[in-house]
Amino acid sequence: MANRPDSVDAADFMFAGTGSACAAARISRRAARRSTRADAGRKLLSAALAGDPDEAIEQAELLLRDRSLCTYYDEVAVKGLQLAANDVARGSVTAVQLSRIEATTNDLVDGLDSYEDREPPARVIEDDWSRTGPLAPAGSADTEANADEAVADGARESADTAREETRSPEENAAIAANCRVLCIPGRGPLDPLAATLLMQLLGKHGFPTKALPHEAASRASIESLDAGDVSVVCILYLQLDGIPSHLYYLIKRIRARLPNAAIVVGLWNAQETEHRSTELRSAIGAASLATSLRDILAACGREKAPTDEDALALING
């Protein structure tokens, strides 16, 4: 992106039009919201380390005023768990603290069970023209990068939900009811918590779900894995450095046991996934890669929704 001049000529700004000013204000707000995600994740982790579920739920309810449950989990809960997983990997989390994180996260999920996973009504926010007019300070490179990334985030979220929004609630319900999802956490001690978040969201969207421990797909247990008519297998990692061989062989065992099931693997760091996308896809074969719970929900919907005709056939029997 070209460097922005230190000052903006008033006449030039006027020719930009009020539409551009409004767009700039919206981008600024979205970038600011993105910059607070890490802080919210750290606050959640602090509450979890202290074993204070009430504080965690209070923070969540405030944030849920202007975002969906899935967005809150992606932006805050998963980020907090990833921070905790990093601390566990460094050996800086005690057994007592680990138990507190597990208990607080489970209490948080229970406390938010009454929330539907949908975007809340849009609030009318008055534009701050002083920040977009001729006298507004020039943005730093970091601010511009955050704004660009925020726009990209919004575009990805819109693309993920566009197809679902074009179908009727009956069609979406029929698709979900015919897509059984099996959740298997990774080897990390906190990975089952990511599965708990996902299962709640899947249930709210009508997907029949089942969770099994990581050991259920081990070499010793894979032959006795009872998965029934599973359509999608979700393998969830909060932290995964590189492409460990155990993931490759885990997918290979699941594919052999459930040859007709689609496989979705997440939750990697988005930048790491993009940087090593070719290598990752080569290692895990045809399995889908996901960097958020929203991506996993979308992947589950795609597995049983190739066409609108298929959705109508499910309804009409």
Protein backbone atom coordinates (compact mmCIF):
# COMPACT_ATOMS: atom_id res chain seq x y z
CA MET A 1 0.00 0.00 0.00
CA ALA A 2 1.33 3.42 -0.96
CA ASN A 3 2.38 5.70 1.86
CA ARG A 4 -0.31 8.21 2.79
CA PRO A 5 0.78 11.88 2.85
CA ASP A 6 1.12 13.60 6.20
CA SER A 7 -1.69 16.01 5.33
CA VAL A 8 -4.76 15.82 3.13
CA ASP A 9 -5.88 18.72 0.99
CA ALA A 10 -9.44 19.74 1.96
CA ALA A 11 -10.58 20.03 -1.65
CA ASP A 12 -9.24 16.56 -2.45
CA PHE A 13 -11.08 15.13 0.53
CA MET A 14 -14.34 16.79 -0.50
CA PHE A 15 -14.13 15.13 -3.89
CA ALA A 16 -13.84 11.76 -2.11
CA GLY A 17 -17.54 12.11 -1.24
CA THR A 18 -19.51 11.31 1.85
CA GLY A 19 -19.77 7.64 0.82
CA SER A 20 -16.01 7.24 1.05
CA ALA A 21 -15.99 8.98 4.43
CA CYS A 22 -18.64 6.64 5.79
CA ALA A 23 -16.76 3.64 4.44
CA ALA A 24 -13.56 4.88 6.06
CA ALA A 25 -15.37 5.26 9.38
CA ARG A 26 -16.72 1.73 9.17
CA ILE A 27 -13.28 0.34 8.31
CA SER A 28 -11.77 2.26 11.22
CA ARG A 29 -14.31 0.79 13.65
CA ARG A 30 -13.76 -2.72 12.31
CA ALA A 31 -9.98 -2.39 12.59
CA ALA A 32 -10.34 -1.13 16.17
CA ARG A 33 -12.56 -4.10 17.00
CA ARG A 34 -9.97 -6.47 15.58
CA SER A 35 -7.21 -4.88 17.67
CA THR A 36 -9.13 -5.71 20.85
CA ARG A 37 -9.53 -9.44 20.15
CA ALA A 38 -6.20 -10.45 21.63
CA ASP A 39 -6.90 -8.42 24.76
CA ALA A 40 -10.30 -10.11 25.15
CA GLY A 41 -8.64 -13.51 24.79
CA ARG A 42 -6.09 -12.63 27.47
CA LYS A 43 -8.86 -11.46 29.81
CA LEU A 44 -10.66 -14.76 29.34
CA LEU A 45 -7.46 -16.68 30.03
CA SER A 46 -6.88 -14.63 33.19
CA ALA A 47 -10.37 -15.46 34.42
CA ALA A 48 -9.81 -19.13 33.59
CA LEU A 49 -6.47 -19.26 35.40
CA ALA A 50 -8.16 -17.73 38.44
CA GLY A 51 -10.97 -20.27 38.22
CA ASP A 52 -13.58 -17.51 37.90
CA PRO A 53 -16.34 -18.61 35.48
CA ASP A 54 -18.64 -15.78 36.56
CA GLU A 55 -16.11 -13.22 35.36
CA ALA A 56 -15.68 -15.12 32.08
CA ILE A 57 -19.44 -15.28 31.48
CA GLU A 58 -19.88 -11.58 32.32
CA GLN A 59 -17.19 -10.62 29.81
CA ALA A 60 -18.79 -12.87 27.18
CA GLU A 61 -22.27 -11.45 27.65
CA LEU A 62 -20.96 -7.93 27.12
CA LEU A 63 -19.26 -8.93 23.88
CA LEU A 64 -22.29 -10.90 22.67
CA ARG A 65 -24.27 -7.69 22.47
CA ASP A 66 -22.75 -6.99 19.06
CA ARG A 67 -21.58 -10.35 17.74
CA SER A 68 -22.81 -13.90 17.26
CA LEU A 69 -21.87 -16.78 19.52
CA CYS A 70 -19.66 -18.28 16.81
CA THR A 71 -17.87 -14.97 16.31
CA TYR A 72 -17.30 -14.65 20.05
CA TYR A 73 -15.87 -18.16 20.23
CA ASP A 74 -13.58 -17.55 17.25
CA GLU A 75 -12.41 -14.10 18.31
CA VAL A 76 -12.14 -14.61 22.07
CA ALA A 77 -12.58 -18.15 23.40
CA VAL A 78 -10.39 -19.89 20.83
CA LYS A 79 -7.77 -17.15 21.06
CA GLY A 80 -7.69 -17.50 24.84
CA LEU A 81 -7.38 -21.28 24.60
CA GLN A 82 -4.58 -20.95 22.06
CA LEU A 83 -2.71 -18.65 24.44
CA ALA A 84 -3.21 -21.23 27.17
CA ALA A 85 -2.04 -24.05 24.88
CA ASN A 86 1.14 -22.08 24.13
CA ASP A 87 1.75 -21.67 27.87
CA VAL A 88 1.16 -25.39 28.41
CA ALA A 89 3.69 -26.21 25.69
CA ARG A 90 6.24 -23.98 27.45
CA GLY A 91 5.60 -25.72 30.75
CA SER A 92 4.35 -22.58 32.48
CA VAL A 93 0.90 -23.93 33.43
CA THR A 94 0.55 -26.02 36.57
CA ALA A 95 -1.80 -28.98 36.94
CA VAL A 96 -4.06 -26.89 39.18
CA GLN A 97 -4.20 -24.07 36.62
CA LEU A 98 -4.92 -26.55 33.84
CA SER A 99 -7.88 -27.92 35.82
CA ARG A 100 -9.14 -24.37 36.36
CA ILE A 101 -8.96 -23.60 32.63
CA GLU A 102 -10.89 -26.77 31.81
CA ALA A 103 -13.57 -26.16 34.46
CA THR A 104 -13.99 -22.46 33.65
CA THR A 105 -14.28 -23.10 29.91
CA ASN A 106 -16.89 -25.81 30.43
CA ASP A 107 -18.84 -23.50 32.78
CA LEU A 108 -18.58 -20.73 30.17
CA VAL A 109 -20.05 -22.96 27.47
CA ASP A 110 -22.87 -24.02 29.79
CA GLY A 111 -23.52 -20.42 30.75
CA LEU A 112 -23.85 -19.35 27.11
CA ASP A 113 -26.03 -22.26 26.03
CA SER A 114 -29.15 -20.09 25.95
CA TYR A 115 -27.67 -17.86 23.22
CA GLU A 116 -28.58 -18.58 19.60
CA ASP A 117 -25.79 -18.45 17.06
CA ARG A 118 -26.96 -15.49 15.04
CA GLU A 119 -25.87 -11.93 14.51
CA PRO A 120 -27.60 -9.47 16.87
CA PRO A 121 -29.60 -6.58 15.41
CA ALA A 122 -27.33 -3.87 14.04
CA ARG A 123 -26.88 -0.92 16.34
CA VAL A 124 -26.97 2.60 14.92
CA ILE A 125 -23.57 4.18 15.59
CA GLU A 126 -22.96 7.82 14.83
CA ASP A 127 -19.98 8.34 12.56
CA ASP A 128 -17.05 10.22 14.08
CA TRP A 129 -16.43 12.70 11.28
CA SER A 130 -13.52 14.28 13.13
CA ARG A 131 -11.53 11.11 12.46
CA THR A 132 -12.23 11.04 8.73
CA GLY A 133 -12.06 14.72 7.79
CA PRO A 134 -9.15 16.76 6.45
CA LEU A 135 -7.66 17.22 9.90
CA ALA A 136 -7.63 13.52 10.78
CA PRO A 137 -4.13 12.26 11.62
CA ALA A 138 -2.44 10.07 9.05
CA GLY A 139 -2.70 6.38 9.86
CA SER A 140 0.33 4.29 10.59
CA ALA A 141 1.30 1.32 8.47
CA ASP A 142 0.00 -1.01 11.20
CA THR A 143 -3.37 0.75 11.26
CA GLU A 144 -3.70 0.51 7.49
CA ALA A 145 -2.71 -3.16 7.58
CA ASN A 146 -5.31 -3.85 10.27
CA ALA A 147 -7.96 -2.08 8.22
CA ASP A 148 -7.13 -4.11 5.11
CA GLU A 149 -7.20 -7.30 7.14
CA ALA A 150 -10.51 -6.33 8.71
CA VAL A 151 -12.04 -5.79 5.26
CA ALA A 152 -10.74 -9.19 4.17
CA ASP A 153 -12.23 -10.79 7.28
CA GLY A 154 -15.61 -9.30 6.51
CA ALA A 155 -15.46 -10.55 2.93
CA ARG A 156 -14.59 -14.08 4.05
CA GLU A 157 -17.41 -14.15 6.60
CA SER A 158 -19.87 -12.93 3.97
CA ALA A 159 -18.75 -15.60 1.53
CA ASP A 160 -19.09 -18.33 4.16
CA THR A 161 -22.67 -17.37 5.02
CA ALA A 162 -23.98 -16.27 1.62
CA ARG A 163 -25.05 -19.70 0.48
CA GLU A 164 -26.71 -20.58 3.77
CA GLU A 165 -28.67 -17.35 3.69
CA THR A 166 -30.03 -18.12 0.21
CA ARG A 167 -31.67 -21.31 1.50
CA SER A 168 -34.79 -21.41 3.61
CA PRO A 169 -34.61 -22.39 7.31
CA GLU A 170 -36.33 -25.67 6.39
CA GLU A 171 -33.66 -26.45 3.80
CA ASN A 172 -30.84 -25.65 6.23
CA ALA A 173 -32.46 -27.79 8.93
CA ALA A 174 -32.89 -30.72 6.55
CA ILE A 175 -29.28 -30.48 5.42
CA ALA A 176 -27.96 -30.33 8.98
CA ALA A 177 -30.12 -33.21 10.20
CA ASN A 178 -28.69 -35.45 7.49
CA CYS A 179 -25.06 -34.56 8.22
CA ARG A 180 -23.74 -36.41 11.26
CA VAL A 181 -20.52 -34.97 12.62
CA LEU A 182 -17.88 -36.76 14.68
CA CYS A 183 -15.49 -34.51 16.66
CA ILE A 184 -12.07 -35.85 17.62
CA PRO A 185 -9.69 -33.54 19.52
CA GLY A 186 -5.96 -33.46 18.97
CA ARG A 187 -3.38 -34.70 21.46
CA GLY A 188 -3.11 -31.45 23.45
CA PRO A 189 -4.68 -31.33 26.92
CA LEU A 190 -6.89 -28.37 25.93
CA ASP A 191 -7.94 -29.65 22.49
CA PRO A 192 -11.10 -31.31 23.92
CA LEU A 193 -12.28 -27.83 24.93
CA ALA A 194 -12.16 -26.73 21.29
CA ALA A 195 -14.32 -29.77 20.49
CA THR A 196 -16.77 -28.68 23.19
CA LEU A 197 -17.13 -25.23 21.60
CA LEU A 198 -17.66 -26.74 18.16
CA MET A 199 -20.21 -29.29 19.34
CA GLN A 200 -22.35 -26.61 20.93
CA LEU A 201 -22.34 -24.57 17.71
CA LEU A 202 -23.09 -27.62 15.57
CA GLY A 203 -26.01 -28.49 17.83
CA LYS A 204 -27.43 -24.98 17.52
CA HIS A 205 -27.38 -25.39 13.73
CA GLY A 206 -29.14 -28.74 13.89
CA PHE A 207 -26.20 -31.06 13.22
CA PRO A 208 -26.29 -34.39 15.09
CA THR A 209 -22.89 -34.61 16.79
CA LYS A 210 -20.76 -37.06 18.69
CA ALA A 211 -17.40 -36.63 20.38
CA LEU A 212 -14.75 -39.26 20.96
CA PRO A 213 -11.40 -38.89 22.74
CA HIS A 214 -8.22 -38.75 20.70
CA GLU A 215 -7.33 -42.25 21.87
CA ALA A 216 -10.42 -43.64 20.11
CA ALA A 217 -8.62 -43.19 16.79
CA SER A 218 -5.32 -44.65 17.96
CA ARG A 219 -3.76 -47.68 16.30
CA ALA A 220 -4.96 -49.87 19.15
CA SER A 221 -8.55 -48.63 19.07
CA ILE A 222 -9.36 -47.60 15.52
CA GLU A 223 -10.86 -50.96 14.53
CA SER A 224 -13.42 -50.73 17.32
CA LEU A 225 -14.33 -47.09 16.58
CA ASP A 226 -18.12 -46.95 16.48
CA ALA A 227 -18.99 -43.99 14.30
CA GLY A 228 -22.23 -45.17 12.66
CA ASP A 229 -23.24 -43.18 9.58
CA VAL A 230 -20.89 -40.25 10.12
CA SER A 231 -20.75 -37.72 7.29
CA VAL A 232 -17.95 -35.48 8.56
CA VAL A 233 -15.05 -36.05 10.94
CA CYS A 234 -13.63 -32.89 12.55
CA ILE A 235 -10.12 -33.10 14.01
CA LEU A 236 -9.38 -30.14 16.26
CA TYR A 237 -6.01 -28.75 17.33
CA LEU A 238 -5.37 -25.56 19.25
CA GLN A 239 -1.65 -25.77 18.59
CA LEU A 240 0.11 -27.69 15.85
CA ASP A 241 3.67 -26.89 14.89
CA GLY A 242 4.66 -27.92 11.41
CA ILE A 243 3.14 -31.10 10.00
CA PRO A 244 3.67 -33.84 12.58
CA SER A 245 3.60 -37.40 11.32
CA HIS A 246 1.01 -38.37 13.93
CA LEU A 247 -1.58 -36.17 12.17
CA TYR A 248 -0.83 -37.77 8.81
CA TYR A 249 -1.29 -41.27 10.18
CA LEU A 250 -4.35 -40.26 12.22
CA ILE A 251 -6.07 -39.07 9.05
CA LYS A 252 -4.96 -42.20 7.22
CA ARG A 253 -6.51 -44.44 9.90
CA ILE A 254 -9.76 -42.48 9.97
CA ARG A 255 -10.02 -42.52 6.18
CA ALA A 256 -9.51 -46.28 6.13
CA ARG A 257 -12.11 -46.80 8.85
CA LEU A 258 -14.63 -44.27 7.48
CA PRO A 259 -13.99 -44.12 3.73
CA ASN A 260 -17.20 -42.21 2.96
CA ALA A 261 -16.74 -39.48 5.57
CA ALA A 262 -15.29 -36.08 4.78
CA ILE A 263 -12.46 -34.92 7.04
CA VAL A 264 -11.99 -31.36 8.29
CA VAL A 265 -8.83 -30.38 10.16
CA GLY A 266 -8.48 -27.21 12.28
CA LEU A 267 -7.68 -24.91 14.11
CA TRP A 268 -4.32 -23.74 12.86
CA ASN A 269 -3.00 -20.24 13.01
CA ALA A 270 -4.39 -18.61 9.86
CA GLN A 271 -1.02 -17.16 8.80
CA GLU A 272 0.74 -20.49 9.29
CA THR A 273 -1.93 -22.29 7.26
CA GLU A 274 -1.65 -19.82 4.40
CA HIS A 275 2.15 -19.92 4.47
CA ARG A 276 2.29 -23.73 4.35
CA SER A 277 -0.96 -24.47 2.54
CA THR A 278 0.57 -26.59 -0.25
CA GLU A 279 2.68 -28.60 2.17
CA LEU A 280 -0.26 -29.10 4.52
CA ARG A 281 -2.63 -30.26 1.80
CA SER A 282 -0.02 -32.65 0.44
CA ALA A 283 0.44 -34.16 3.89
CA ILE A 284 -3.22 -34.60 4.79
CA GLY A 285 -4.59 -35.48 1.37
CA ALA A 286 -8.14 -34.44 0.53
CA ALA A 287 -9.04 -33.33 4.05
CA SER A 288 -10.28 -29.75 4.34
CA LEU A 289 -8.28 -27.17 6.27
CA ALA A 290 -10.07 -24.74 8.57
CA THR A 291 -8.72 -21.84 10.62
CA SER A 292 -11.90 -21.02 12.54
CA LEU A 293 -15.03 -22.60 13.95
CA ARG A 294 -17.01 -20.64 11.36
CA ASP A 295 -15.00 -22.32 8.60
CA ILE A 296 -15.71 -25.73 10.10
CA LEU A 297 -19.45 -25.02 10.28
CA ALA A 298 -19.40 -23.96 6.64
CA ALA A 299 -17.46 -27.10 5.66
CA CYS A 300 -20.00 -29.33 7.41
CA GLY A 301 -22.82 -27.59 5.56
CA ARG A 302 -21.09 -28.02 2.20
CA GLU A 303 -20.66 -31.75 2.65
CA LYS A 304 -24.41 -32.35 2.46
CA ALA A 305 -25.38 -29.33 0.42
CA PRO A 306 -23.79 -29.58 -3.04
CA THR A 307 -26.89 -28.15 -4.74
CA ASP A 308 -30.20 -26.56 -3.86
CA GLU A 309 -31.94 -29.51 -5.56
CA ASP A 310 -30.34 -31.83 -3.03
CA ALA A 311 -31.71 -29.72 -0.19
CA LEU A 312 -35.25 -29.89 -1.64
CA ALA A 313 -34.91 -33.65 -2.07
CA LEU A 314 -34.04 -34.00 1.63
CA ILE A 315 -37.18 -32.07 2.59
CA ASN A 316 -39.50 -33.87 0.18
CA GLY A 317 -38.12 -37.28 1.09
